[in-house]
Amino acid sequence: MEITIGSNNPTKIAAVQAIFPNASVINRNVPSNVSEQPFSDEETRQGAINRAIACIRENPNSIGIGLEGGIMYIREQLYLCNWGALVDQEENVYTASGARILLPSGFQSQLTEGIELGDVMDEYTQKKEVRNNEGAIGIFTNDLVNRKEMFVHVVKLLRGQWEFYNKN
């Protein structure tokens, strides 16, 4: 089995490899066709779908997977959100969402100005490439859940749905 994931992010690639250990996983830098920093549940979900569809169109003999991190408001508070999409060779689309966690209120002005959460996190933590390592989820859960684990959960949900609907 071949899987094309629409990302060069090592945490996303590792999540797909963990849940599809016997598959050949190819990564492609495909566009999400949404904002660089998705700013709602809906936009984040659409970005994941767009990436998965772009993967299957680039490599029609594979399964396409898109994983997208975003932010969203719940009652005027900012939360981290994440979505995944799996598109099979018949172009059936399966989607799933994962963890949500409250972001510091001090992030709001930078994020609404269009600065990506990854860049805000690098500044906040005085680290480089938080998005490619523990992620905001790792920082704000004291490393009890890291970005790879967050996306592993989403990929499990995607694989489980795909297997369930294709078992007959």
N, C-alpha and C. Protein backbone atom coordinates (compact mmCIF):
# COMPACT_ATOMS: atom_id res chain seq x y z
N MET A 1 0.85 -1.17 0.00
CA MET A 1 0.00 0.00 0.00
C MET A 1 0.89 1.23 0.00
N GLU A 2 0.46 2.24 -0.75
CA GLU A 2 1.20 3.50 -0.81
C GLU A 2 0.31 4.62 -0.28
N ILE A 3 0.90 5.47 0.54
CA ILE A 3 0.19 6.61 1.12
C ILE A 3 0.98 7.86 0.77
N THR A 4 0.27 8.88 0.31
CA THR A 4 0.88 10.18 0.08
C THR A 4 0.32 11.14 1.11
N ILE A 5 1.23 11.74 1.89
CA ILE A 5 0.80 12.72 2.88
C ILE A 5 1.18 14.11 2.38
N GLY A 6 0.27 15.03 2.52
CA GLY A 6 0.45 16.38 2.02
C GLY A 6 1.18 17.29 2.98
N SER A 7 2.41 16.94 3.32
CA SER A 7 3.18 17.75 4.26
C SER A 7 4.64 17.32 4.25
N ASN A 8 5.51 18.26 4.56
CA ASN A 8 6.91 17.94 4.81
C ASN A 8 7.22 17.98 6.31
N ASN A 9 6.18 18.19 7.14
CA ASN A 9 6.38 18.30 8.58
C ASN A 9 6.70 16.92 9.16
N PRO A 10 7.84 16.77 9.83
CA PRO A 10 8.24 15.45 10.33
C PRO A 10 7.27 14.85 11.35
N THR A 11 6.57 15.66 12.13
CA THR A 11 5.64 15.09 13.11
C THR A 11 4.42 14.49 12.41
N LYS A 12 3.97 15.12 11.33
CA LYS A 12 2.83 14.59 10.58
C LYS A 12 3.22 13.32 9.83
N ILE A 13 4.38 13.32 9.23
CA ILE A 13 4.86 12.13 8.51
C ILE A 13 5.02 10.97 9.48
N ALA A 14 5.62 11.22 10.64
CA ALA A 14 5.82 10.17 11.65
C ALA A 14 4.49 9.61 12.15
N ALA A 15 3.48 10.47 12.27
CA ALA A 15 2.16 10.00 12.71
C ALA A 15 1.57 9.03 11.71
N VAL A 16 1.68 9.34 10.43
CA VAL A 16 1.14 8.44 9.39
C VAL A 16 1.94 7.14 9.37
N GLN A 17 3.26 7.22 9.47
CA GLN A 17 4.08 6.01 9.47
C GLN A 17 3.77 5.12 10.67
N ALA A 18 3.46 5.73 11.81
CA ALA A 18 3.15 4.95 13.01
C ALA A 18 1.86 4.15 12.85
N ILE A 19 0.87 4.69 12.15
CA ILE A 19 -0.43 4.03 12.02
C ILE A 19 -0.51 3.16 10.77
N PHE A 20 0.34 3.41 9.81
CA PHE A 20 0.42 2.58 8.60
C PHE A 20 1.85 2.06 8.48
N PRO A 21 2.30 1.21 9.43
CA PRO A 21 3.71 0.81 9.45
C PRO A 21 4.15 -0.02 8.25
N ASN A 22 3.24 -0.68 7.58
CA ASN A 22 3.60 -1.52 6.44
C ASN A 22 3.41 -0.82 5.10
N ALA A 23 3.04 0.43 5.15
CA ALA A 23 2.81 1.19 3.91
C ALA A 23 4.08 1.94 3.52
N SER A 24 4.17 2.21 2.24
CA SER A 24 5.20 3.11 1.73
C SER A 24 4.62 4.53 1.83
N VAL A 25 5.20 5.36 2.66
CA VAL A 25 4.69 6.71 2.89
C VAL A 25 5.55 7.71 2.15
N ILE A 26 4.91 8.46 1.27
CA ILE A 26 5.56 9.48 0.47
C ILE A 26 5.02 10.83 0.93
N ASN A 27 5.88 11.79 1.12
CA ASN A 27 5.38 13.12 1.50
C ASN A 27 5.54 14.09 0.33
N ARG A 28 4.54 14.95 0.20
CA ARG A 28 4.53 15.98 -0.83
C ARG A 28 4.12 17.30 -0.19
N ASN A 29 4.76 18.36 -0.61
CA ASN A 29 4.39 19.68 -0.14
C ASN A 29 3.28 20.20 -1.06
N VAL A 30 2.04 19.95 -0.68
CA VAL A 30 0.89 20.37 -1.48
C VAL A 30 0.17 21.51 -0.78
N PRO A 31 -0.52 22.34 -1.53
CA PRO A 31 -1.19 23.49 -0.92
C PRO A 31 -2.46 23.08 -0.17
N SER A 32 -2.74 23.84 0.88
CA SER A 32 -3.98 23.62 1.63
C SER A 32 -5.11 24.44 1.02
N ASN A 33 -4.76 25.48 0.27
CA ASN A 33 -5.74 26.40 -0.30
C ASN A 33 -6.64 27.05 0.74
N VAL A 34 -6.11 27.19 1.95
CA VAL A 34 -6.75 27.97 3.01
C VAL A 34 -5.68 28.92 3.55
N SER A 35 -6.01 29.71 4.53
CA SER A 35 -5.04 30.63 5.13
C SER A 35 -3.82 29.88 5.65
N GLU A 36 -2.68 30.58 5.65
CA GLU A 36 -1.47 29.97 6.22
C GLU A 36 -1.74 29.52 7.65
N GLN A 37 -2.53 30.32 8.37
CA GLN A 37 -2.95 29.95 9.72
C GLN A 37 -4.47 29.82 9.70
N PRO A 38 -4.98 28.60 9.50
CA PRO A 38 -6.44 28.45 9.51
C PRO A 38 -7.03 28.96 10.83
N PHE A 39 -8.15 29.67 10.73
CA PHE A 39 -8.68 30.39 11.88
C PHE A 39 -10.10 29.97 12.23
N SER A 40 -10.43 28.73 11.98
CA SER A 40 -11.71 28.18 12.42
C SER A 40 -11.64 26.67 12.26
N ASP A 41 -12.56 26.01 12.92
CA ASP A 41 -12.69 24.56 12.77
C ASP A 41 -12.93 24.21 11.30
N GLU A 42 -13.84 24.94 10.67
CA GLU A 42 -14.22 24.66 9.28
C GLU A 42 -13.04 24.86 8.32
N GLU A 43 -12.30 25.96 8.50
CA GLU A 43 -11.18 26.24 7.61
C GLU A 43 -10.06 25.21 7.80
N THR A 44 -9.83 24.80 9.04
CA THR A 44 -8.80 23.80 9.32
C THR A 44 -9.18 22.48 8.68
N ARG A 45 -10.43 22.08 8.82
CA ARG A 45 -10.92 20.84 8.20
C ARG A 45 -10.78 20.91 6.68
N GLN A 46 -11.16 22.04 6.10
CA GLN A 46 -11.08 22.18 4.65
C GLN A 46 -9.63 22.10 4.17
N GLY A 47 -8.72 22.66 4.93
CA GLY A 47 -7.30 22.57 4.57
C GLY A 47 -6.82 21.13 4.53
N ALA A 48 -7.25 20.32 5.50
CA ALA A 48 -6.87 18.90 5.52
C ALA A 48 -7.45 18.18 4.31
N ILE A 49 -8.71 18.45 4.01
CA ILE A 49 -9.36 17.82 2.84
C ILE A 49 -8.63 18.23 1.56
N ASN A 50 -8.35 19.51 1.42
CA ASN A 50 -7.68 19.99 0.21
C ASN A 50 -6.31 19.33 0.02
N ARG A 51 -5.58 19.16 1.10
CA ARG A 51 -4.27 18.51 1.01
C ARG A 51 -4.41 17.04 0.61
N ALA A 52 -5.38 16.35 1.20
CA ALA A 52 -5.57 14.92 0.87
C ALA A 52 -5.99 14.75 -0.59
N ILE A 53 -6.87 15.60 -1.07
CA ILE A 53 -7.30 15.54 -2.48
C ILE A 53 -6.12 15.83 -3.40
N ALA A 54 -5.31 16.83 -3.06
CA ALA A 54 -4.14 17.15 -3.88
C ALA A 54 -3.18 15.97 -3.94
N CYS A 55 -3.05 15.25 -2.84
CA CYS A 55 -2.16 14.07 -2.81
C CYS A 55 -2.66 12.98 -3.75
N ILE A 56 -3.95 12.71 -3.70
CA ILE A 56 -4.50 11.63 -4.53
C ILE A 56 -4.45 12.02 -6.01
N ARG A 57 -4.56 13.28 -6.29
CA ARG A 57 -4.48 13.73 -7.69
C ARG A 57 -3.05 13.68 -8.21
N GLU A 58 -2.09 13.93 -7.34
CA GLU A 58 -0.67 13.82 -7.72
C GLU A 58 -0.26 12.36 -7.86
N ASN A 59 -0.82 11.52 -7.01
CA ASN A 59 -0.44 10.11 -6.97
C ASN A 59 -1.70 9.25 -6.86
N PRO A 60 -2.42 9.05 -7.99
CA PRO A 60 -3.72 8.37 -7.95
C PRO A 60 -3.69 6.91 -7.50
N ASN A 61 -2.53 6.30 -7.43
CA ASN A 61 -2.44 4.91 -6.98
C ASN A 61 -2.23 4.80 -5.47
N SER A 62 -2.32 5.92 -4.78
CA SER A 62 -2.08 5.91 -3.34
C SER A 62 -3.35 6.33 -2.60
N ILE A 63 -3.24 6.35 -1.31
CA ILE A 63 -4.24 6.95 -0.43
C ILE A 63 -3.67 8.32 -0.06
N GLY A 64 -4.48 9.36 -0.12
CA GLY A 64 -4.03 10.70 0.23
C GLY A 64 -4.43 11.05 1.66
N ILE A 65 -3.49 11.61 2.39
CA ILE A 65 -3.78 12.06 3.75
C ILE A 65 -3.34 13.51 3.90
N GLY A 66 -4.25 14.32 4.46
CA GLY A 66 -3.94 15.70 4.80
C GLY A 66 -4.15 15.90 6.28
N LEU A 67 -3.21 16.54 6.93
CA LEU A 67 -3.30 16.85 8.36
C LEU A 67 -3.09 18.35 8.51
N GLU A 68 -3.98 18.99 9.23
CA GLU A 68 -3.93 20.45 9.33
C GLU A 68 -4.13 20.87 10.78
N GLY A 69 -3.27 21.76 11.23
CA GLY A 69 -3.43 22.37 12.55
C GLY A 69 -3.99 23.77 12.38
N GLY A 70 -4.84 24.17 13.29
CA GLY A 70 -5.44 25.49 13.20
C GLY A 70 -5.78 26.02 14.58
N ILE A 71 -6.47 27.15 14.56
CA ILE A 71 -6.97 27.74 15.79
C ILE A 71 -8.43 28.11 15.59
N MET A 72 -9.14 28.18 16.67
CA MET A 72 -10.57 28.45 16.59
C MET A 72 -11.03 29.14 17.87
N TYR A 73 -12.14 29.83 17.76
CA TYR A 73 -12.74 30.46 18.93
C TYR A 73 -13.83 29.56 19.50
N ILE A 74 -13.87 29.49 20.81
CA ILE A 74 -14.99 28.94 21.55
C ILE A 74 -15.30 29.97 22.62
N ARG A 75 -16.46 30.61 22.49
CA ARG A 75 -16.86 31.66 23.44
C ARG A 75 -15.76 32.69 23.67
N GLU A 76 -15.24 33.20 22.60
CA GLU A 76 -14.25 34.28 22.60
C GLU A 76 -12.91 33.90 23.22
N GLN A 77 -12.65 32.60 23.34
CA GLN A 77 -11.35 32.13 23.77
C GLN A 77 -10.74 31.34 22.62
N LEU A 78 -9.43 31.49 22.43
CA LEU A 78 -8.74 30.79 21.35
C LEU A 78 -8.30 29.40 21.76
N TYR A 79 -8.58 28.45 20.89
CA TYR A 79 -8.18 27.07 21.10
C TYR A 79 -7.37 26.57 19.91
N LEU A 80 -6.45 25.69 20.20
CA LEU A 80 -5.76 24.93 19.17
C LEU A 80 -6.74 23.88 18.66
N CYS A 81 -6.77 23.65 17.36
CA CYS A 81 -7.57 22.55 16.82
C CYS A 81 -6.77 21.86 15.73
N ASN A 82 -7.19 20.68 15.35
CA ASN A 82 -6.50 19.94 14.30
C ASN A 82 -7.47 19.01 13.61
N TRP A 83 -7.24 18.81 12.34
CA TRP A 83 -8.10 17.96 11.51
C TRP A 83 -7.25 17.10 10.60
N GLY A 84 -7.83 15.99 10.23
CA GLY A 84 -7.21 15.13 9.24
C GLY A 84 -8.24 14.69 8.23
N ALA A 85 -7.75 14.37 7.03
CA ALA A 85 -8.61 13.83 5.97
C ALA A 85 -7.85 12.71 5.28
N LEU A 86 -8.58 11.68 4.94
CA LEU A 86 -8.06 10.57 4.15
C LEU A 86 -8.94 10.46 2.92
N VAL A 87 -8.32 10.42 1.75
CA VAL A 87 -9.04 10.25 0.49
C VAL A 87 -8.50 9.00 -0.17
N ASP A 88 -9.41 8.07 -0.46
CA ASP A 88 -8.98 6.82 -1.09
C ASP A 88 -9.01 6.93 -2.61
N GLN A 89 -8.67 5.85 -3.28
CA GLN A 89 -8.55 5.86 -4.73
C GLN A 89 -9.88 6.09 -5.45
N GLU A 90 -10.98 5.84 -4.75
CA GLU A 90 -12.31 6.14 -5.33
C GLU A 90 -12.75 7.56 -4.98
N GLU A 91 -11.87 8.31 -4.35
CA GLU A 91 -12.08 9.69 -3.90
C GLU A 91 -13.16 9.81 -2.82
N ASN A 92 -13.34 8.74 -2.02
CA ASN A 92 -14.15 8.84 -0.81
C ASN A 92 -13.34 9.64 0.19
N VAL A 93 -14.00 10.55 0.89
CA VAL A 93 -13.32 11.43 1.84
C VAL A 93 -13.76 11.08 3.26
N TYR A 94 -12.78 10.82 4.12
CA TYR A 94 -13.01 10.55 5.53
C TYR A 94 -12.32 11.65 6.32
N THR A 95 -12.99 12.22 7.32
CA THR A 95 -12.39 13.28 8.12
C THR A 95 -12.51 12.96 9.60
N ALA A 96 -11.60 13.54 10.37
CA ALA A 96 -11.62 13.38 11.82
C ALA A 96 -10.88 14.55 12.46
N SER A 97 -11.28 14.86 13.67
CA SER A 97 -10.65 15.93 14.43
C SER A 97 -10.11 15.36 15.72
N GLY A 98 -9.22 16.11 16.33
CA GLY A 98 -8.61 15.62 17.56
C GLY A 98 -8.67 16.64 18.68
N ALA A 99 -7.60 16.68 19.42
CA ALA A 99 -7.52 17.47 20.65
C ALA A 99 -7.75 18.96 20.41
N ARG A 100 -8.31 19.58 21.41
CA ARG A 100 -8.45 21.03 21.46
C ARG A 100 -7.92 21.46 22.82
N ILE A 101 -7.17 22.54 22.80
CA ILE A 101 -6.61 23.03 24.06
C ILE A 101 -6.58 24.55 24.02
N LEU A 102 -6.88 25.14 25.15
CA LEU A 102 -6.92 26.60 25.28
C LEU A 102 -5.53 27.19 25.07
N LEU A 103 -5.48 28.26 24.27
CA LEU A 103 -4.24 29.01 24.06
C LEU A 103 -4.23 30.24 24.96
N PRO A 104 -3.06 30.72 25.33
CA PRO A 104 -2.99 31.92 26.17
C PRO A 104 -3.68 33.11 25.50
N SER A 105 -4.41 33.90 26.28
CA SER A 105 -5.12 35.04 25.73
C SER A 105 -4.16 36.05 25.11
N GLY A 106 -2.93 36.09 25.55
CA GLY A 106 -1.94 37.00 25.00
C GLY A 106 -1.55 36.71 23.56
N PHE A 107 -1.93 35.54 23.04
CA PHE A 107 -1.62 35.18 21.66
C PHE A 107 -2.58 35.81 20.66
N GLN A 108 -3.72 36.26 21.14
CA GLN A 108 -4.79 36.68 20.24
C GLN A 108 -4.37 37.78 19.27
N SER A 109 -3.69 38.81 19.75
CA SER A 109 -3.36 39.92 18.85
C SER A 109 -2.42 39.47 17.74
N GLN A 110 -1.41 38.69 18.04
CA GLN A 110 -0.49 38.22 17.00
C GLN A 110 -1.21 37.32 15.99
N LEU A 111 -2.03 36.42 16.48
CA LEU A 111 -2.73 35.49 15.60
C LEU A 111 -3.73 36.20 14.71
N THR A 112 -4.45 37.17 15.25
CA THR A 112 -5.42 37.90 14.43
C THR A 112 -4.72 38.80 13.42
N GLU A 113 -3.46 39.13 13.65
CA GLU A 113 -2.67 39.90 12.69
C GLU A 113 -2.13 39.02 11.57
N GLY A 114 -2.36 37.71 11.67
CA GLY A 114 -1.93 36.80 10.61
C GLY A 114 -0.63 36.06 10.87
N ILE A 115 -0.08 36.22 12.06
CA ILE A 115 1.15 35.49 12.39
C ILE A 115 0.77 34.05 12.72
N GLU A 116 1.50 33.09 12.15
CA GLU A 116 1.19 31.68 12.36
C GLU A 116 1.51 31.26 13.79
N LEU A 117 0.71 30.32 14.30
CA LEU A 117 0.90 29.83 15.65
C LEU A 117 2.32 29.28 15.85
N GLY A 118 2.87 28.60 14.86
CA GLY A 118 4.23 28.07 14.97
C GLY A 118 5.24 29.17 15.25
N ASP A 119 5.09 30.30 14.58
CA ASP A 119 6.01 31.43 14.81
C ASP A 119 5.79 32.05 16.18
N VAL A 120 4.54 32.15 16.60
CA VAL A 120 4.22 32.66 17.94
C VAL A 120 4.83 31.73 18.99
N MET A 121 4.73 30.43 18.77
CA MET A 121 5.27 29.47 19.73
C MET A 121 6.79 29.56 19.81
N ASP A 122 7.46 29.74 18.67
CA ASP A 122 8.92 29.87 18.69
C ASP A 122 9.33 31.07 19.54
N GLU A 123 8.62 32.18 19.35
CA GLU A 123 8.93 33.38 20.13
C GLU A 123 8.61 33.17 21.62
N TYR A 124 7.46 32.58 21.89
CA TYR A 124 7.00 32.36 23.27
C TYR A 124 7.96 31.46 24.05
N THR A 125 8.44 30.40 23.39
CA THR A 125 9.29 29.42 24.06
C THR A 125 10.78 29.71 23.93
N GLN A 126 11.11 30.67 23.04
CA GLN A 126 12.51 30.95 22.73
C GLN A 126 13.21 29.70 22.17
N LYS A 127 12.44 28.93 21.39
CA LYS A 127 12.97 27.74 20.71
C LYS A 127 12.78 27.94 19.22
N LYS A 128 13.35 27.04 18.43
CA LYS A 128 13.16 27.06 16.99
C LYS A 128 12.41 25.80 16.56
N GLU A 129 11.49 25.99 15.62
CA GLU A 129 10.77 24.87 15.00
C GLU A 129 9.93 24.05 15.97
N VAL A 130 9.25 24.71 16.87
CA VAL A 130 8.33 24.01 17.78
C VAL A 130 7.32 23.20 16.97
N ARG A 131 6.87 23.77 15.83
CA ARG A 131 5.87 23.08 14.99
C ARG A 131 6.38 21.75 14.45
N ASN A 132 7.69 21.60 14.33
CA ASN A 132 8.27 20.35 13.81
C ASN A 132 8.70 19.41 14.92
N ASN A 133 8.41 19.78 16.13
CA ASN A 133 8.81 18.97 17.27
C ASN A 133 7.60 18.72 18.19
N GLU A 134 7.62 19.26 19.39
CA GLU A 134 6.54 18.98 20.34
C GLU A 134 5.25 19.71 20.02
N GLY A 135 5.33 20.81 19.29
CA GLY A 135 4.14 21.59 18.95
C GLY A 135 3.59 22.34 20.14
N ALA A 136 2.62 23.19 19.87
CA ALA A 136 1.97 23.95 20.95
C ALA A 136 1.34 22.99 21.95
N ILE A 137 0.77 21.88 21.46
CA ILE A 137 0.14 20.91 22.34
C ILE A 137 1.15 20.34 23.34
N GLY A 138 2.39 20.11 22.90
CA GLY A 138 3.43 19.61 23.79
C GLY A 138 3.82 20.62 24.84
N ILE A 139 3.93 21.89 24.42
CA ILE A 139 4.29 22.95 25.36
C ILE A 139 3.21 23.09 26.42
N PHE A 140 1.95 23.17 25.99
CA PHE A 140 0.86 23.47 26.92
C PHE A 140 0.29 22.26 27.64
N THR A 141 0.84 21.07 27.38
CA THR A 141 0.48 19.89 28.19
C THR A 141 1.70 19.39 28.95
N ASN A 142 2.73 20.25 29.03
CA ASN A 142 3.96 19.86 29.73
C ASN A 142 4.53 18.58 29.17
N ASP A 143 4.44 18.43 27.85
CA ASP A 143 4.95 17.28 27.10
C ASP A 143 4.25 15.95 27.41
N LEU A 144 3.07 16.01 28.01
CA LEU A 144 2.32 14.77 28.20
C LEU A 144 1.70 14.31 26.88
N VAL A 145 1.40 15.26 25.99
CA VAL A 145 0.93 14.96 24.64
C VAL A 145 1.74 15.84 23.70
N ASN A 146 2.40 15.22 22.72
CA ASN A 146 3.15 16.04 21.77
C ASN A 146 2.42 16.07 20.42
N ARG A 147 2.96 16.83 19.49
CA ARG A 147 2.28 17.03 18.20
C ARG A 147 2.14 15.73 17.42
N LYS A 148 3.16 14.89 17.44
CA LYS A 148 3.05 13.60 16.75
C LYS A 148 1.91 12.78 17.34
N GLU A 149 1.86 12.69 18.68
CA GLU A 149 0.79 11.91 19.32
C GLU A 149 -0.59 12.46 18.99
N MET A 150 -0.70 13.78 18.94
CA MET A 150 -1.98 14.40 18.61
C MET A 150 -2.42 13.96 17.22
N PHE A 151 -1.50 13.99 16.26
CA PHE A 151 -1.85 13.58 14.90
C PHE A 151 -1.97 12.06 14.77
N VAL A 152 -1.25 11.28 15.59
CA VAL A 152 -1.43 9.82 15.59
C VAL A 152 -2.89 9.50 15.90
N HIS A 153 -3.44 10.17 16.88
CA HIS A 153 -4.84 9.96 17.25
C HIS A 153 -5.77 10.22 16.06
N VAL A 154 -5.55 11.33 15.36
CA VAL A 154 -6.37 11.67 14.21
C VAL A 154 -6.21 10.63 13.10
N VAL A 155 -4.98 10.20 12.84
CA VAL A 155 -4.75 9.21 11.79
C VAL A 155 -5.38 7.87 12.16
N LYS A 156 -5.39 7.51 13.43
CA LYS A 156 -6.10 6.29 13.87
C LYS A 156 -7.59 6.40 13.54
N LEU A 157 -8.17 7.56 13.81
CA LEU A 157 -9.59 7.76 13.50
C LEU A 157 -9.85 7.65 12.00
N LEU A 158 -8.96 8.21 11.21
CA LEU A 158 -9.11 8.13 9.75
C LEU A 158 -8.99 6.69 9.27
N ARG A 159 -7.95 5.98 9.71
CA ARG A 159 -7.76 4.61 9.27
C ARG A 159 -8.93 3.73 9.70
N GLY A 160 -9.37 3.91 10.93
CA GLY A 160 -10.49 3.11 11.43
C GLY A 160 -11.76 3.30 10.61
N GLN A 161 -12.08 4.54 10.26
CA GLN A 161 -13.26 4.80 9.42
C GLN A 161 -13.10 4.16 8.05
N TRP A 162 -11.94 4.38 7.44
CA TRP A 162 -11.67 3.86 6.09
C TRP A 162 -11.78 2.34 6.09
N GLU A 163 -11.20 1.67 7.09
CA GLU A 163 -11.28 0.21 7.17
C GLU A 163 -12.73 -0.25 7.41
N PHE A 164 -13.44 0.44 8.30
CA PHE A 164 -14.81 0.05 8.59
C PHE A 164 -15.69 0.10 7.34
N TYR A 165 -15.61 1.20 6.60
CA TYR A 165 -16.47 1.36 5.43
C TYR A 165 -16.02 0.56 4.23
N ASN A 166 -14.83 0.00 4.29
CA ASN A 166 -14.32 -0.78 3.15
C ASN A 166 -14.14 -2.27 3.49
N LYS A 167 -14.72 -2.73 4.58
CA LYS A 167 -14.53 -4.13 4.97
C LYS A 167 -15.38 -5.09 4.16
N ASN A 168 -16.38 -4.59 3.48
CA ASN A 168 -17.25 -5.50 2.71
C ASN A 168 -16.89 -5.51 1.26
